[in-house]
Amino acid sequence: MQLRDVTALTVPRVGRVEKTGDPSLPYRLLDRDGIEVAAVSEFLLDMLADDDSPASLRSYAYELLAWFRFLWAVDVPWDRDGRAEARDFALWLTMVKKPPRPRRPDAPAPGSVNPVTGKRYTGQRSAGPPSAAWLTSSGGRA
């Protein structure tokens, strides 16, 4: 069994979620070449048919973007992923720092605690794997 060092893995920020303006498919996932990922569009259409909101589709599309970026980085086609990829994705999310994003000068420090609510602000690492979109998209193989 080959183990993957997820702490050394570079996951390029390629691909994107695109708002389509089409109510029959409000969002779609595009790969690094700008080509629609048909399997994700089909999954989002199924969600829409199940009466999920466009906001839910958007959320799942972004979660799937993270999953696909990971798969592209480890050079595993989405229809060939398995338990090792699901495990390594979950580990990668919790071990690797998130890319920095622009913040307001008065924004609280990542990971600090809100003095009013007592809840922790989002930190520099992910709290763990996204809901289950990445597992669902893999057909439950993980």
Foldseek 3Di string as FASTA:
>chain_A
DDADDLQPFDQDLAWDKDQDPDPQQRIFTAGNVRHTPVLLSVVLNVCVVVVDDPVVSVVLNVLVSLLVSQCVRVVHDLQRDAPNSVVSSQVNQANYFDDDDDDDPPDDAQQDADPPPRDTHHHRGHPTRPDCSSCVSNVVRD
